[in-house]
Amino acid sequence: MEMPFINECAVESCSYNVGTACHALAITVGDPPHAPCDTFFVTSSKGGDPAAVGQVRACKMTGCRHNTRLECQAPGISVGSGQEDAHCLTCNAC
């Protein structure tokens, strides 16, 4: 099983985001109903591996059509802003 890549992250305030690219090695998509990025974190320094493109490790959105056994099966995802955090925009159950 391949982990899908994060094609784009529009949440520039996240410490793993550099130029709309996620550099966390892997993220977890959180609990319903909004598919939050549980890895979203704000700090004054940037983190992650600058050579890596983030991937989706686990997904708690059991109602999403891309979710199989709590693993994301989408070819790739996009992450965007919520009210105070980040959300998987690819999840169809949002």
PDB file of N, CA and C in Angstrom:
ATOM      1  N   MET A   1       0.856  -1.181   0.000  1.00  0.00           N
ATOM      2  CA  MET A   1       0.000   0.000   0.000  1.00  0.00           C
ATOM      3  C   MET A   1       0.896   1.236   0.000  1.00  0.00           C
ATOM      4  N   GLU A   2       0.668   2.097  -0.946  1.00  0.00           N
ATOM      5  CA  GLU A   2       1.423   3.349  -1.069  1.00  0.00           C
ATOM      6  C   GLU A   2       0.713   4.462  -0.295  1.00  0.00           C
ATOM      7  N   MET A   3       1.480   5.304   0.362  1.00  0.00           N
ATOM      8  CA  MET A   3       0.896   6.471   1.018  1.00  0.00           C
ATOM      9  C   MET A   3       0.748   7.581  -0.030  1.00  0.00           C
ATOM     10  N   PRO A   4      -0.427   8.232  -0.091  1.00  0.00           N
ATOM     11  CA  PRO A   4      -0.608   9.324  -1.049  1.00  0.00           C
ATOM     12  C   PRO A   4       0.191  10.560  -0.661  1.00  0.00           C
ATOM     13  N   PHE A   5       0.621  11.294  -1.659  1.00  0.00           N
ATOM     14  CA  PHE A   5       1.347  12.535  -1.435  1.00  0.00           C
ATOM     15  C   PHE A   5       0.383  13.683  -1.185  1.00  0.00           C
ATOM     16  N   ILE A   6       0.864  14.691  -0.475  1.00  0.00           N
ATOM     17  CA  ILE A   6       0.117  15.927  -0.299  1.00  0.00           C
ATOM     18  C   ILE A   6       0.522  16.823  -1.462  1.00  0.00           C
ATOM     19  N   ASN A   7      -0.376  16.956  -2.424  1.00  0.00           N
ATOM     20  CA  ASN A   7      -0.074  17.715  -3.635  1.00  0.00           C
ATOM     21  C   ASN A   7       0.088  19.199  -3.372  1.00  0.00           C
ATOM     22  N   GLU A   8      -0.688  19.698  -2.410  1.00  0.00           N
ATOM     23  CA  GLU A   8      -0.636  21.127  -2.082  1.00  0.00           C
ATOM     24  C   GLU A   8      -1.159  21.334  -0.670  1.00  0.00           C
ATOM     25  N   CYS A   9      -0.525  22.253   0.041  1.00  0.00           N
ATOM     26  CA  CYS A   9      -1.033  22.694   1.338  1.00  0.00           C
ATOM     27  C   CYS A   9      -1.093  24.217   1.305  1.00  0.00           C
ATOM     28  N   ALA A  10      -2.296  24.745   1.400  1.00  0.00           N
ATOM     29  CA  ALA A  10      -2.500  26.187   1.335  1.00  0.00           C
ATOM     30  C   ALA A  10      -2.435  26.854   2.713  1.00  0.00           C
ATOM     31  N   VAL A  11      -2.095  26.105   3.751  1.00  0.00           N
ATOM     32  CA  VAL A  11      -2.080  26.629   5.110  1.00  0.00           C
ATOM     33  C   VAL A  11      -0.656  27.089   5.438  1.00  0.00           C
ATOM     34  N   GLU A  12      -0.334  28.306   5.032  1.00  0.00           N
ATOM     35  CA  GLU A  12       1.029  28.809   5.161  1.00  0.00           C
ATOM     36  C   GLU A  12       1.474  28.985   6.607  1.00  0.00           C
ATOM     37  N   SER A  13       0.550  29.090   7.544  1.00  0.00           N
ATOM     38  CA  SER A  13       0.919  29.255   8.949  1.00  0.00           C
ATOM     39  C   SER A  13       1.440  27.958   9.577  1.00  0.00           C
ATOM     40  N   CYS A  14       1.235  26.836   8.922  1.00  0.00           N
ATOM     41  CA  CYS A  14       1.696  25.552   9.471  1.00  0.00           C
ATOM     42  C   CYS A  14       3.224  25.483   9.426  1.00  0.00           C
ATOM     43  N   SER A  15       3.803  24.979  10.469  1.00  0.00           N
ATOM     44  CA  SER A  15       5.260  24.895  10.573  1.00  0.00           C
ATOM     45  C   SER A  15       5.879  23.933   9.568  1.00  0.00           C
ATOM     46  N   TYR A  16       5.087  23.036   9.002  1.00  0.00           N
ATOM     47  CA  TYR A  16       5.596  22.091   8.003  1.00  0.00           C
ATOM     48  C   TYR A  16       5.433  22.599   6.571  1.00  0.00           C
ATOM     49  N   ASN A  17       4.782  23.752   6.389  1.00  0.00           N
ATOM     50  CA  ASN A  17       4.495  24.286   5.057  1.00  0.00           C
ATOM     51  C   ASN A  17       5.577  25.275   4.630  1.00  0.00           C
ATOM     52  N   VAL A  18       6.149  25.032   3.462  1.00  0.00           N
ATOM     53  CA  VAL A  18       7.089  25.966   2.845  1.00  0.00           C
ATOM     54  C   VAL A  18       6.686  26.101   1.386  1.00  0.00           C
ATOM     55  N   GLY A  19       6.204  27.287   1.011  1.00  0.00           N
ATOM     56  CA  GLY A  19       5.815  27.523  -0.381  1.00  0.00           C
ATOM     57  C   GLY A  19       4.700  26.627  -0.870  1.00  0.00           C
ATOM     58  N   THR A  20       3.686  26.401  -0.094  1.00  0.00           N
ATOM     59  CA  THR A  20       2.517  25.536  -0.330  1.00  0.00           C
ATOM     60  C   THR A  20       2.874  24.061  -0.436  1.00  0.00           C
ATOM     61  N   ALA A  21       4.046  23.673   0.015  1.00  0.00           N
ATOM     62  CA  ALA A  21       4.437  22.262   0.033  1.00  0.00           C
ATOM     63  C   ALA A  21       4.576  21.796   1.478  1.00  0.00           C
ATOM     64  N   CYS A  22       4.000  20.649   1.774  1.00  0.00           N
ATOM     65  CA  CYS A  22       4.103  20.066   3.106  1.00  0.00           C
ATOM     66  C   CYS A  22       5.403  19.275   3.195  1.00  0.00           C
ATOM     67  N   HIS A  23       6.184  19.537   4.239  1.00  0.00           N
ATOM     68  CA  HIS A  23       7.449  18.833   4.426  1.00  0.00           C
ATOM     69  C   HIS A  23       7.450  17.932   5.652  1.00  0.00           C
ATOM     70  N   ALA A  24       6.259  17.672   6.231  1.00  0.00           N
ATOM     71  CA  ALA A  24       6.156  16.639   7.258  1.00  0.00           C
ATOM     72  C   ALA A  24       6.341  15.303   6.540  1.00  0.00           C
ATOM     73  N   LEU A  25       7.024  14.379   7.149  1.00  0.00           N
ATOM     74  CA  LEU A  25       7.208  13.089   6.485  1.00  0.00           C
ATOM     75  C   LEU A  25       5.866  12.424   6.222  1.00  0.00           C
ATOM     76  N   ALA A  26       4.936  12.546   7.169  1.00  0.00           N
ATOM     77  CA  ALA A  26       3.592  11.996   6.995  1.00  0.00           C
ATOM     78  C   ALA A  26       2.641  12.717   7.936  1.00  0.00           C
ATOM     79  N   ILE A  27       1.393  12.869   7.505  1.00  0.00           N
ATOM     80  CA  ILE A  27       0.364  13.499   8.331  1.00  0.00           C
ATOM     81  C   ILE A  27      -0.717  12.479   8.663  1.00  0.00           C
ATOM     82  N   THR A  28      -1.532  12.827   9.641  1.00  0.00           N
ATOM     83  CA  THR A  28      -2.738  12.071   9.961  1.00  0.00           C
ATOM     84  C   THR A  28      -3.922  12.989   9.715  1.00  0.00           C
ATOM     85  N   VAL A  29      -4.912  12.493   8.988  1.00  0.00           N
ATOM     86  CA  VAL A  29      -6.166  13.222   8.795  1.00  0.00           C
ATOM     87  C   VAL A  29      -7.069  12.804   9.934  1.00  0.00           C
ATOM     88  N   GLY A  30      -7.609  13.807  10.638  1.00  0.00           N
ATOM     89  CA  GLY A  30      -8.290  13.565  11.905  1.00  0.00           C
ATOM     90  C   GLY A  30      -9.755  13.220  11.842  1.00  0.00           C
ATOM     91  N   ASP A  31     -10.385  13.404  12.982  1.00  0.00           N
ATOM     92  CA  ASP A  31     -11.747  12.953  13.233  1.00  0.00           C
ATOM     93  C   ASP A  31     -12.800  13.732  12.458  1.00  0.00           C
ATOM     94  N   PRO A  32     -13.900  13.033  12.118  1.00  0.00           N
ATOM     95  CA  PRO A  32     -15.036  13.688  11.488  1.00  0.00           C
ATOM     96  C   PRO A  32     -15.585  14.780  12.411  1.00  0.00           C
ATOM     97  N   PRO A  33     -16.292  15.745  11.925  1.00  0.00           N
ATOM     98  CA  PRO A  33     -16.845  15.797  10.573  1.00  0.00           C
ATOM     99  C   PRO A  33     -16.020  16.605   9.569  1.00  0.00           C
ATOM    100  N   HIS A  34     -14.894  17.207   9.962  1.00  0.00           N
ATOM    101  CA  HIS A  34     -14.233  18.166   9.075  1.00  0.00           C
ATOM    102  C   HIS A  34     -12.906  17.726   8.476  1.00  0.00           C
ATOM    103  N   ALA A  35     -12.427  16.526   8.735  1.00  0.00           N
ATOM    104  CA  ALA A  35     -11.158  16.017   8.197  1.00  0.00           C
ATOM    105  C   ALA A  35      -9.973  16.932   8.498  1.00  0.00           C
ATOM    106  N   PRO A  36      -9.769  17.276   9.773  1.00  0.00           N
ATOM    107  CA  PRO A  36      -8.641  18.161  10.092  1.00  0.00           C
ATOM    108  C   PRO A  36      -7.300  17.457   9.906  1.00  0.00           C
ATOM    109  N   CYS A  37      -6.293  18.251   9.604  1.00  0.00           N
ATOM    110  CA  CYS A  37      -4.931  17.722   9.559  1.00  0.00           C
ATOM    111  C   CYS A  37      -4.428  17.716  11.002  1.00  0.00           C
ATOM    112  N   ASP A  38      -4.322  16.530  11.604  1.00  0.00           N
ATOM    113  CA  ASP A  38      -3.884  16.428  12.995  1.00  0.00           C
ATOM    114  C   ASP A  38      -2.419  16.812  13.174  1.00  0.00           C
ATOM    115  N   THR A  39      -1.678  16.913  12.093  1.00  0.00           N
ATOM    116  CA  THR A  39      -0.258  17.247  12.151  1.00  0.00           C
ATOM    117  C   THR A  39      -0.041  18.756  12.112  1.00  0.00           C
ATOM    118  N   PHE A  40      -1.080  19.522  11.790  1.00  0.00           N
ATOM    119  CA  PHE A  40      -1.013  20.985  11.740  1.00  0.00           C
ATOM    120  C   PHE A  40      -0.443  21.529  13.039  1.00  0.00           C
ATOM    121  N   PHE A  41       0.556  22.401  12.911  1.00  0.00           N
ATOM    122  CA  PHE A  41       1.251  22.926  14.077  1.00  0.00           C
ATOM    123  C   PHE A  41       1.823  24.293  13.711  1.00  0.00           C
ATOM    124  N   VAL A  42       1.637  25.276  14.586  1.00  0.00           N
ATOM    125  CA  VAL A  42       2.146  26.615  14.345  1.00  0.00           C
ATOM    126  C   VAL A  42       3.238  26.929  15.362  1.00  0.00           C
ATOM    127  N   THR A  43       4.399  27.317  14.859  1.00  0.00           N
ATOM    128  CA  THR A  43       5.513  27.755  15.689  1.00  0.00           C
ATOM    129  C   THR A  43       6.350  28.720  14.858  1.00  0.00           C
ATOM    130  N   SER A  44       7.262  29.397  15.481  1.00  0.00           N
ATOM    131  CA  SER A  44       8.055  30.392  14.755  1.00  0.00           C
ATOM    132  C   SER A  44       9.097  29.772  13.827  1.00  0.00           C
ATOM    133  N   SER A  45       9.416  28.510  14.009  1.00  0.00           N
ATOM    134  CA  SER A  45      10.400  27.871  13.125  1.00  0.00           C
ATOM    135  C   SER A  45       9.711  26.858  12.206  1.00  0.00           C
ATOM    136  N   LYS A  46      10.344  26.577  11.084  1.00  0.00           N
ATOM    137  CA  LYS A  46       9.815  25.606  10.134  1.00  0.00           C
ATOM    138  C   LYS A  46      10.378  24.231  10.464  1.00  0.00           C
ATOM    139  N   GLY A  47       9.570  23.196  10.270  1.00  0.00           N
ATOM    140  CA  GLY A  47       9.977  21.839  10.588  1.00  0.00           C
ATOM    141  C   GLY A  47       9.847  20.920   9.395  1.00  0.00           C
ATOM    142  N   GLY A  48      10.079  19.659   9.646  1.00  0.00           N
ATOM    143  CA  GLY A  48       9.995  18.653   8.604  1.00  0.00           C
ATOM    144  C   GLY A  48      11.302  18.512   7.851  1.00  0.00           C
ATOM    145  N   ASP A  49      11.271  17.701   6.826  1.00  0.00           N
ATOM    146  CA  ASP A  49      12.437  17.446   5.988  1.00  0.00           C
ATOM    147  C   ASP A  49      12.295  18.279   4.721  1.00  0.00           C
ATOM    148  N   PRO A  50      13.177  19.261   4.502  1.00  0.00           N
ATOM    149  CA  PRO A  50      13.027  20.128   3.332  1.00  0.00           C
ATOM    150  C   PRO A  50      13.117  19.379   1.999  1.00  0.00           C
ATOM    151  N   ALA A  51      13.681  18.185   1.992  1.00  0.00           N
ATOM    152  CA  ALA A  51      13.780  17.399   0.763  1.00  0.00           C
ATOM    153  C   ALA A  51      12.575  16.486   0.556  1.00  0.00           C
ATOM    154  N   ALA A  52      11.709  16.381   1.555  1.00  0.00           N
ATOM    155  CA  ALA A  52      10.572  15.454   1.484  1.00  0.00           C
ATOM    156  C   ALA A  52       9.301  16.169   1.046  1.00  0.00           C
ATOM    157  N   VAL A  53       8.431  15.408   0.393  1.00  0.00           N
ATOM    158  CA  VAL A  53       7.071  15.852   0.101  1.00  0.00           C
ATOM    159  C   VAL A  53       6.177  15.047   1.026  1.00  0.00           C
ATOM    160  N   GLY A  54       5.346  15.746   1.810  1.00  0.00           N
ATOM    161  CA  GLY A  54       4.506  15.075   2.796  1.00  0.00           C
ATOM    162  C   GLY A  54       3.587  14.040   2.186  1.00  0.00           C
ATOM    163  N   GLN A  55       3.266  13.041   2.996  1.00  0.00           N
ATOM    164  CA  GLN A  55       2.353  11.983   2.605  1.00  0.00           C
ATOM    165  C   GLN A  55       1.315  11.791   3.700  1.00  0.00           C
ATOM    166  N   VAL A  56       0.268  11.027   3.407  1.00  0.00           N
ATOM    167  CA  VAL A  56      -0.791  10.759   4.369  1.00  0.00           C
ATOM    168  C   VAL A  56      -0.530   9.410   5.024  1.00  0.00           C
ATOM    169  N   ARG A  57      -0.299   9.434   6.335  1.00  0.00           N
ATOM    170  CA  ARG A  57      -0.016   8.212   7.089  1.00  0.00           C
ATOM    171  C   ARG A  57      -1.312   7.481   7.429  1.00  0.00           C
ATOM    172  N   ALA A  58      -2.267   8.176   7.998  1.00  0.00           N
ATOM    173  CA  ALA A  58      -3.515   7.552   8.450  1.00  0.00           C
ATOM    174  C   ALA A  58      -4.665   8.518   8.246  1.00  0.00           C
ATOM    175  N   CYS A  59      -5.882   7.963   8.146  1.00  0.00           N
ATOM    176  CA  CYS A  59      -7.073   8.788   7.966  1.00  0.00           C
ATOM    177  C   CYS A  59      -8.188   8.257   8.847  1.00  0.00           C
ATOM    178  N   LYS A  60      -8.718   9.131   9.689  1.00  0.00           N
ATOM    179  CA  LYS A  60      -9.802   8.755  10.599  1.00  0.00           C
ATOM    180  C   LYS A  60     -11.191   9.018  10.006  1.00  0.00           C
ATOM    181  N   MET A  61     -11.242   9.504   8.763  1.00  0.00           N
ATOM    182  CA  MET A  61     -12.518   9.842   8.124  1.00  0.00           C
ATOM    183  C   MET A  61     -13.123   8.602   7.470  1.00  0.00           C
ATOM    184  N   THR A  62     -13.759   7.756   8.275  1.00  0.00           N
ATOM    185  CA  THR A  62     -14.269   6.477   7.776  1.00  0.00           C
ATOM    186  C   THR A  62     -15.327   6.640   6.690  1.00  0.00           C
ATOM    187  N   GLY A  63     -16.000   7.773   6.625  1.00  0.00           N
ATOM    188  CA  GLY A  63     -17.028   7.993   5.612  1.00  0.00           C
ATOM    189  C   GLY A  63     -16.490   8.482   4.282  1.00  0.00           C
ATOM    190  N   CYS A  64     -15.217   8.762   4.188  1.00  0.00           N
ATOM    191  CA  CYS A  64     -14.631   9.257   2.942  1.00  0.00           C
ATOM    192  C   CYS A  64     -14.470   8.108   1.946  1.00  0.00           C
ATOM    193  N   ARG A  65     -14.786   8.340   0.703  1.00  0.00           N
ATOM    194  CA  ARG A  65     -14.698   7.281  -0.307  1.00  0.00           C
ATOM    195  C   ARG A  65     -13.258   6.846  -0.570  1.00  0.00           C
ATOM    196  N   HIS A  66     -12.282   7.646  -0.166  1.00  0.00           N
ATOM    197  CA  HIS A  66     -10.875   7.294  -0.347  1.00  0.00           C
ATOM    198  C   HIS A  66     -10.317   6.480   0.826  1.00  0.00           C
ATOM    199  N   ASN A  67     -11.116   6.314   1.884  1.00  0.00           N
ATOM    200  CA  ASN A  67     -10.645   5.646   3.096  1.00  0.00           C
ATOM    201  C   ASN A  67     -10.906   4.139   3.004  1.00  0.00           C
ATOM    202  N   THR A  68      -9.835   3.360   3.143  1.00  0.00           N
ATOM    203  CA  THR A  68      -9.933   1.907   3.197  1.00  0.00           C
ATOM    204  C   THR A  68      -9.154   1.434   4.410  1.00  0.00           C
ATOM    205  N   ARG A  69      -9.853   0.861   5.369  1.00  0.00           N
ATOM    206  CA  ARG A  69      -9.213   0.367   6.591  1.00  0.00           C
ATOM    207  C   ARG A  69      -8.384   1.453   7.280  1.00  0.00           C
ATOM    208  N   LEU A  70      -8.928   2.676   7.314  1.00  0.00           N
ATOM    209  CA  LEU A  70      -8.315   3.849   7.958  1.00  0.00           C
ATOM    210  C   LEU A  70      -7.025   4.306   7.276  1.00  0.00           C
ATOM    211  N   GLU A  71      -6.866   3.948   6.021  1.00  0.00           N
ATOM    212  CA  GLU A  71      -5.737   4.391   5.200  1.00  0.00           C
ATOM    213  C   GLU A  71      -6.296   5.128   3.984  1.00  0.00           C
ATOM    214  N   CYS A  72      -5.682   6.248   3.644  1.00  0.00           N
ATOM    215  CA  CYS A  72      -6.112   7.028   2.485  1.00  0.00           C
ATOM    216  C   CYS A  72      -5.648   6.342   1.201  1.00  0.00           C
ATOM    217  N   GLN A  73      -6.571   6.173   0.262  1.00  0.00           N
ATOM    218  CA  GLN A  73      -6.268   5.552  -1.022  1.00  0.00           C
ATOM    219  C   GLN A  73      -6.374   6.535  -2.190  1.00  0.00           C
ATOM    220  N   ALA A  74      -6.509   7.833  -1.889  1.00  0.00           N
ATOM    221  CA  ALA A  74      -6.554   8.842  -2.958  1.00  0.00           C
ATOM    222  C   ALA A  74      -5.176   8.890  -3.624  1.00  0.00           C
ATOM    223  N   PRO A  75      -5.127   9.258  -4.894  1.00  0.00           N
ATOM    224  CA  PRO A  75      -3.827   9.375  -5.545  1.00  0.00           C
ATOM    225  C   PRO A  75      -2.975  10.501  -4.962  1.00  0.00           C
ATOM    226  N   GLY A  76      -3.602  11.467  -4.335  1.00  0.00           N
ATOM    227  CA  GLY A  76      -2.942  12.602  -3.700  1.00  0.00           C
ATOM    228  C   GLY A  76      -4.014  13.450  -3.054  1.00  0.00           C
ATOM    229  N   ILE A  77      -3.627  14.312  -2.121  1.00  0.00           N
ATOM    230  CA  ILE A  77      -4.612  15.160  -1.456  1.00  0.00           C
ATOM    231  C   ILE A  77      -4.171  16.618  -1.483  1.00  0.00           C
ATOM    232  N   SER A  78      -5.135  17.488  -1.198  1.00  0.00           N
ATOM    233  CA  SER A  78      -4.878  18.913  -0.994  1.00  0.00           C
ATOM    234  C   SER A  78      -5.340  19.268   0.410  1.00  0.00           C
ATOM    235  N   VAL A  79      -4.599  20.145   1.051  1.00  0.00           N
ATOM    236  CA  VAL A  79      -4.934  20.604   2.395  1.00  0.00           C
ATOM    237  C   VAL A  79      -5.184  22.107   2.320  1.00  0.00           C
ATOM    238  N   GLY A  80      -6.249  22.561   2.984  1.00  0.00           N
ATOM    239  CA  GLY A  80      -6.584  23.978   2.984  1.00  0.00           C
ATOM    240  C   GLY A  80      -6.969  24.447   4.368  1.00  0.00           C
ATOM    241  N   SER A  81      -7.239  25.720   4.480  1.00  0.00           N
ATOM    242  CA  SER A  81      -7.523  26.347   5.772  1.00  0.00           C
ATOM    243  C   SER A  81      -8.924  26.057   6.260  1.00  0.00           C
ATOM    244  N   GLY A  82      -9.011  25.804   7.565  1.00  0.00           N
ATOM    245  CA  GLY A  82     -10.271  25.761   8.273  1.00  0.00           C
ATOM    246  C   GLY A  82     -10.373  27.050   9.069  1.00  0.00           C
ATOM    247  N   GLN A  83     -11.278  27.106  10.038  1.00  0.00           N
ATOM    248  CA  GLN A  83     -11.412  28.318  10.834  1.00  0.00           C
ATOM    249  C   GLN A  83     -10.173  28.579  11.677  1.00  0.00           C
ATOM    250  N   GLU A  84      -9.630  27.544  12.293  1.00  0.00           N
ATOM    251  CA  GLU A  84      -8.451  27.717  13.141  1.00  0.00           C
ATOM    252  C   GLU A  84      -7.395  26.651  12.883  1.00  0.00           C
ATOM    253  N   ASP A  85      -7.574  25.868  11.831  1.00  0.00           N
ATOM    254  CA  ASP A  85      -6.641  24.775  11.587  1.00  0.00           C
ATOM    255  C   ASP A  85      -6.584  24.444  10.097  1.00  0.00           C
ATOM    256  N   ALA A  86      -6.180  23.245   9.772  1.00  0.00           N
ATOM    257  CA  ALA A  86      -6.049  22.795   8.384  1.00  0.00           C
ATOM    258  C   ALA A  86      -6.956  21.591   8.170  1.00  0.00           C
ATOM    259  N   HIS A  87      -7.461  21.437   6.935  1.00  0.00           N
ATOM    260  CA  HIS A  87      -8.375  20.360   6.618  1.00  0.00           C
ATOM    261  C   HIS A  87      -7.985  19.692   5.304  1.00  0.00           C
ATOM    262  N   CYS A  88      -8.257  18.388   5.208  1.00  0.00           N
ATOM    263  CA  CYS A  88      -8.085  17.668   3.946  1.00  0.00           C
ATOM    264  C   CYS A  88      -9.237  18.077   3.031  1.00  0.00           C
ATOM    265  N   LEU A  89      -8.905  18.715   1.921  1.00  0.00           N
ATOM    266  CA  LEU A  89      -9.928  19.171   0.975  1.00  0.00           C
ATOM    267  C   LEU A  89     -10.349  18.065   0.015  1.00  0.00           C
ATOM    268  N   THR A  90      -9.618  16.972  -0.007  1.00  0.00           N
ATOM    269  CA  THR A  90      -9.906  15.872  -0.915  1.00  0.00           C
ATOM    270  C   THR A  90     -10.998  14.964  -0.350  1.00  0.00           C
ATOM    271  N   CYS A  91     -11.171  14.990   0.935  1.00  0.00           N
ATOM    272  CA  CYS A  91     -12.168  14.133   1.579  1.00  0.00           C
ATOM    273  C   CYS A  91     -13.562  14.527   1.128  1.00  0.00           C
ATOM    274  N   ASN A  92     -14.294  13.572   0.562  1.00  0.00           N
ATOM    275  CA  ASN A  92     -15.636  13.868   0.054  1.00  0.00           C
ATOM    276  C   ASN A  92     -16.689  13.889   1.146  1.00  0.00           C
ATOM    277  N   ALA A  93     -16.354  13.503   2.372  1.00  0.00           N
ATOM    278  CA  ALA A  93     -17.327  13.478   3.458  1.00  0.00           C
ATOM    279  C   ALA A  93     -17.357  14.780   4.247  1.00  0.00           C
ATOM    280  N   CYS A  94     -16.515  15.747   3.858  1.00  0.00           N
ATOM    281  CA  CYS A  94     -16.403  16.997   4.609  1.00  0.00           C
ATOM    282  C   CYS A  94     -17.591  17.904   4.368  1.00  0.00           C
TER     283      CYS A  94
END
